[in-house]
Protein backbone atom coordinates (compact mmCIF):
# COMPACT_ATOMS: atom_id res chain seq x y z
CA MET A 1 -116.68 -14.99 -173.68
CA PRO A 2 -120.31 -16.01 -173.05
CA LEU A 3 -121.08 -18.89 -170.69
CA LEU A 4 -122.91 -20.62 -173.56
CA ASP A 5 -122.14 -19.83 -177.20
CA VAL A 6 -124.36 -21.45 -179.84
CA ARG A 7 -123.05 -20.92 -183.36
CA ALA A 8 -124.75 -21.84 -186.66
CA LEU A 9 -126.60 -24.72 -184.99
CA SER A 10 -128.58 -26.88 -187.41
CA LYS A 11 -130.56 -30.06 -186.92
CA ARG A 12 -132.09 -32.12 -189.72
CA PHE A 13 -134.53 -35.00 -189.48
CA GLY A 14 -134.33 -36.53 -192.93
CA ALA A 15 -135.38 -33.81 -195.36
CA LEU A 16 -136.79 -31.64 -192.57
CA ARG A 17 -134.47 -28.90 -191.28
CA ALA A 18 -135.95 -28.26 -187.83
CA VAL A 19 -133.19 -25.81 -186.84
CA ASN A 20 -131.29 -23.78 -189.40
CA GLU A 21 -128.03 -22.01 -188.44
CA VAL A 22 -129.27 -20.73 -185.08
CA SER A 23 -126.77 -18.58 -183.17
CA PHE A 24 -127.03 -16.92 -179.75
CA GLY A 25 -125.13 -16.62 -176.49
CA VAL A 26 -125.96 -16.67 -172.80
CA GLU A 27 -123.95 -14.63 -170.32
CA GLU A 28 -123.12 -15.55 -166.73
CA GLY A 29 -126.18 -15.08 -164.52
CA GLU A 30 -128.47 -14.08 -167.41
CA ILE A 31 -132.05 -15.20 -167.95
CA LEU A 32 -132.68 -15.66 -171.67
CA GLY A 33 -136.15 -16.31 -173.05
CA LEU A 34 -136.27 -18.66 -176.06
CA ILE A 35 -139.64 -18.13 -177.69
CA GLY A 36 -141.53 -18.66 -180.91
CA PRO A 37 -144.69 -20.24 -182.31
CA ASN A 38 -145.28 -23.99 -182.28
CA GLY A 39 -142.90 -25.75 -184.64
CA SER A 40 -140.37 -22.91 -184.57
CA GLY A 41 -137.48 -25.10 -183.38
CA LYS A 42 -137.38 -24.20 -179.68
CA SER A 43 -137.54 -27.74 -178.35
CA THR A 44 -135.09 -29.05 -180.93
CA THR A 45 -132.59 -26.32 -180.02
CA PHE A 46 -133.10 -27.12 -176.34
CA ASN A 47 -132.56 -30.82 -176.91
CA CYS A 48 -129.38 -30.23 -178.90
CA ILE A 49 -127.93 -28.18 -176.04
CA ALA A 50 -129.03 -30.74 -173.45
CA GLY A 51 -127.52 -33.67 -175.34
CA LEU A 52 -130.73 -35.46 -176.31
CA TYR A 53 -130.05 -34.71 -179.99
CA THR A 54 -126.76 -34.61 -181.85
CA PRO A 55 -126.60 -31.47 -184.03
CA SER A 56 -126.29 -31.95 -187.77
CA ASP A 57 -124.02 -28.90 -188.02
CA GLY A 58 -122.73 -26.07 -185.88
CA SER A 59 -121.09 -25.57 -182.51
CA ILE A 60 -122.25 -25.43 -178.88
CA MET A 61 -119.54 -24.04 -176.62
CA PHE A 62 -120.02 -24.12 -172.84
CA GLU A 63 -117.40 -22.48 -170.64
CA GLY A 64 -115.11 -22.40 -173.67
CA ALA A 65 -115.37 -26.13 -174.45
CA GLU A 66 -117.29 -27.84 -177.24
CA ILE A 67 -120.25 -29.91 -175.99
CA ALA A 68 -122.14 -30.52 -179.26
CA GLY A 69 -122.69 -34.25 -179.61
CA LEU A 70 -122.05 -35.13 -175.96
CA THR A 71 -124.59 -37.44 -174.35
CA ALA A 72 -127.14 -35.95 -171.95
CA ASN A 73 -125.42 -37.30 -168.84
CA ARG A 74 -122.07 -35.81 -169.88
CA VAL A 75 -123.70 -32.45 -170.62
CA CYS A 76 -125.23 -32.56 -167.14
CA HIS A 77 -121.87 -33.38 -165.59
CA ARG A 78 -120.36 -30.36 -167.39
CA GLY A 79 -122.80 -28.10 -165.50
CA ILE A 80 -126.02 -27.84 -167.54
CA GLY A 81 -129.23 -28.91 -165.80
CA ARG A 82 -132.67 -29.08 -167.34
CA THR A 83 -136.32 -29.48 -166.47
CA PHE A 84 -138.94 -31.17 -168.61
CA GLN A 85 -142.34 -29.84 -169.56
CA ILE A 86 -144.02 -32.95 -168.15
CA PRO A 87 -142.52 -33.97 -164.78
CA ARG A 88 -141.87 -37.69 -164.41
CA PRO A 89 -140.59 -38.21 -160.86
CA PHE A 90 -140.03 -41.61 -159.27
CA ARG A 91 -143.41 -42.19 -157.64
CA ASN A 92 -142.12 -44.89 -155.32
CA LEU A 93 -139.54 -42.53 -153.79
CA THR A 94 -140.05 -39.67 -151.35
CA LEU A 95 -139.55 -36.02 -152.30
CA LEU A 96 -136.12 -36.01 -150.68
CA GLU A 97 -135.07 -39.29 -152.30
CA ASN A 98 -136.07 -38.03 -155.75
CA VAL A 99 -133.87 -34.97 -155.41
CA ALA A 100 -130.98 -36.77 -153.71
CA LEU A 101 -130.89 -39.24 -156.60
CA SER A 102 -130.50 -36.34 -159.03
CA ALA A 103 -127.73 -34.90 -156.88
CA PHE A 104 -125.85 -38.21 -156.91
CA PHE A 105 -126.03 -38.98 -160.62
CA GLY A 106 -125.99 -35.37 -161.79
CA GLN A 107 -122.58 -34.79 -160.27
CA ASP A 108 -120.95 -37.79 -161.95
CA ARG A 109 -121.06 -39.71 -158.64
CA SER A 110 -118.22 -37.56 -157.32
CA ALA A 111 -120.23 -36.30 -154.33
CA THR A 112 -120.55 -38.26 -151.11
CA ARG A 113 -123.89 -39.67 -149.96
CA GLN A 114 -124.00 -37.12 -147.16
CA ALA A 115 -123.33 -34.25 -149.57
CA CYS A 116 -126.12 -35.44 -151.89
CA TRP A 117 -128.66 -35.49 -149.07
CA ALA A 118 -127.58 -32.01 -148.02
CA GLN A 119 -127.84 -30.76 -151.60
CA ALA A 120 -131.31 -32.30 -151.91
CA GLU A 121 -132.51 -30.53 -148.77
CA GLU A 122 -131.10 -27.22 -149.98
CA SER A 123 -132.72 -27.58 -153.40
CA LEU A 124 -136.12 -28.47 -151.94
CA ALA A 125 -135.96 -25.52 -149.56
CA LEU A 126 -135.01 -23.19 -152.41
CA VAL A 127 -138.16 -24.07 -154.39
CA GLY A 128 -140.40 -24.01 -151.32
CA LEU A 129 -140.98 -27.75 -150.82
CA PRO A 130 -140.66 -29.56 -147.48
CA THR A 131 -137.35 -31.25 -146.68
CA ASP A 132 -138.81 -33.91 -144.38
CA GLY A 133 -137.49 -37.23 -145.71
CA ARG A 134 -140.78 -39.01 -144.94
CA ILE A 135 -142.98 -36.97 -147.30
CA THR A 136 -144.15 -38.85 -150.39
CA LEU A 137 -145.48 -37.62 -153.73
CA ASP A 138 -149.06 -38.58 -152.89
CA GLY A 139 -151.47 -35.76 -153.61
CA LEU A 140 -148.95 -33.39 -155.18
CA GLY A 141 -150.60 -30.93 -157.57
CA ALA A 142 -149.23 -29.47 -160.81
CA ALA A 143 -147.44 -26.58 -159.11
CA ALA A 144 -145.69 -28.83 -156.57
CA LEU A 145 -144.63 -31.28 -159.28
CA LYS A 146 -143.12 -28.39 -161.27
CA LYS A 147 -141.24 -27.34 -158.13
CA LEU A 148 -139.98 -30.88 -157.63
CA GLU A 149 -138.80 -30.99 -161.25
CA LEU A 150 -136.91 -27.75 -160.68
CA ALA A 151 -135.41 -29.01 -157.41
CA ARG A 152 -134.15 -32.14 -159.16
CA ALA A 153 -132.41 -30.01 -161.79
CA LEU A 154 -130.92 -27.68 -159.17
CA ALA A 155 -129.55 -30.63 -157.21
CA THR A 156 -127.11 -31.33 -160.05
CA GLN A 157 -125.58 -27.93 -159.20
CA PRO A 158 -125.76 -26.47 -162.71
CA ARG A 159 -124.18 -23.25 -163.89
CA LEU A 160 -126.81 -23.11 -166.65
CA LEU A 161 -130.42 -24.22 -166.21
CA LEU A 162 -132.63 -25.10 -169.17
CA ALA A 163 -136.23 -24.49 -168.02
CA ASP A 164 -138.80 -26.06 -170.32
CA GLU A 165 -142.28 -24.49 -170.05
CA SER A 166 -142.24 -24.16 -166.26
CA LEU A 167 -145.67 -22.45 -166.29
CA ASN A 168 -147.61 -25.07 -168.25
CA GLY A 169 -150.66 -26.30 -166.34
CA LEU A 170 -150.50 -23.64 -163.62
CA ASP A 171 -153.09 -21.02 -162.72
CA HIS A 172 -152.21 -17.31 -162.83
CA ARG A 173 -151.11 -17.08 -159.19
CA GLU A 174 -148.94 -20.17 -159.55
CA MET A 175 -147.44 -18.77 -162.77
CA GLU A 176 -146.42 -15.57 -161.00
CA GLN A 177 -144.89 -17.57 -158.14
CA ALA A 178 -142.97 -19.82 -160.55
CA ALA A 179 -141.59 -16.82 -162.45
CA ASP A 180 -140.54 -15.15 -159.20
CA MET A 181 -138.85 -18.38 -158.18
CA LEU A 182 -136.70 -18.46 -161.32
CA GLY A 183 -135.65 -14.89 -160.66
CA ARG A 184 -134.79 -15.73 -157.06
CA ILE A 185 -132.74 -18.76 -158.13
CA ARG A 186 -130.74 -16.53 -160.46
CA ARG A 187 -130.15 -13.99 -157.70
CA GLU A 188 -129.30 -16.43 -154.91
CA LYS A 189 -127.37 -19.07 -156.86
CA GLY A 190 -125.95 -17.04 -159.76
CA ILE A 191 -127.30 -19.60 -162.24
CA ALA A 192 -127.86 -18.57 -165.86
CA ILE A 193 -131.21 -19.71 -167.27
CA ILE A 194 -132.61 -20.37 -170.73
CA TRP A 195 -136.39 -20.36 -170.41
CA VAL A 196 -138.64 -21.80 -173.12
CA GLU A 197 -142.19 -20.62 -172.48
CA HIS A 198 -145.49 -19.80 -174.20
CA ILE A 199 -146.97 -17.62 -171.46
CA MET A 200 -145.50 -14.38 -172.69
CA GLY A 201 -146.95 -11.91 -170.22
CA VAL A 202 -145.13 -13.60 -167.34
CA LEU A 203 -141.90 -14.43 -169.16
CA MET A 204 -141.33 -10.94 -170.50
CA ARG A 205 -141.14 -9.35 -167.03
CA VAL A 206 -138.46 -11.79 -165.83
CA VAL A 207 -136.01 -12.34 -168.70
CA ASP A 208 -133.10 -10.06 -169.59
CA ARG A 209 -133.20 -10.83 -173.31
CA VAL A 210 -135.25 -12.91 -175.73
CA VAL A 211 -134.34 -14.91 -178.81
CA VAL A 212 -137.29 -15.46 -181.14
CA LEU A 213 -137.37 -18.42 -183.54
CA ASP A 214 -139.59 -18.99 -186.55
CA HIS A 215 -139.34 -21.99 -188.87
CA GLY A 216 -136.04 -22.98 -187.26
CA GLU A 217 -134.33 -19.61 -187.69
CA VAL A 218 -133.61 -16.66 -185.42
CA ILE A 219 -135.76 -13.70 -186.43
CA PHE A 220 -135.01 -11.48 -183.43
CA ALA A 221 -132.62 -11.19 -180.49
CA GLY A 222 -132.79 -8.36 -177.98
CA THR A 223 -134.64 -6.94 -175.00
CA PRO A 224 -138.23 -7.93 -174.15
CA LYS A 225 -139.40 -4.37 -174.81
CA ALA A 226 -137.79 -4.30 -178.25
CA ALA A 227 -139.30 -7.70 -179.06
CA GLN A 228 -142.78 -6.48 -178.22
CA GLU A 229 -142.29 -3.55 -180.60
CA ASN A 230 -140.69 -5.53 -183.45
CA ALA A 231 -142.98 -5.86 -186.48
CA ARG A 232 -141.71 -9.31 -187.49
CA VAL A 233 -142.12 -10.71 -183.98
CA ILE A 234 -145.62 -9.28 -183.73
CA GLU A 235 -146.52 -10.76 -187.11
CA VAL A 236 -145.32 -14.30 -186.49
CA TYR A 237 -145.93 -14.66 -182.78
CA LEU A 238 -147.04 -11.91 -180.43
CA GLY A 239 -149.88 -10.78 -182.64
CA THR A 240 -151.59 -14.17 -182.34
CA GLU A 241 -150.53 -15.05 -178.78
CA THR A 242 -153.61 -14.88 -176.56
CA ASP A 243 -151.51 -14.96 -173.39
CA ALA A 244 -149.25 -12.04 -174.37
């Protein structure tokens, strides 16, 4: 049984069917790339899994239990963490306080204060940010803010991480470092990852499999190499992707 099993997922906004019977699975410890052109349904699928949207139809099974329709906080408490494309940390809190807050609320308040601080320090260290409780967010660049966003998600101790465009706004060196970091997190923590990304050249060397969406439907699922050789994928996406 896969860790996450999405079956015939559909989401309608009025007459618009943004996602149409999308099905895929994610295995324990796997990194899955979810890709496709703009408007293909990636973000809508992501938001249905994360609990921001309630699916119109279909099933989302996580660890054998149905989570479709659960609120975002309950999905997080079940063991699914997520990052956002645009980080929005609490600017009046320190780095450590930002991550400790995620640890506290992300674990359904079952963890002690001491455990949350320890988890925050571990998460910051894992992404390469300082653990000194006095350090503020002043002067943090795009790469550091992305790391902080990732640390906040990791502090909830997820079994599945939803990474939303972790490379956006980074230069090439920072992109390579961010991709390596996701691979290291998988290796060291055993966390499965679904990675939505547009920077294909970096994503393809890290993920185990890719699912390609177009107009809300799955048009391909398989290895990165097979995706790069698939005529339909090339036609609708890779052939016009300048970063491939």
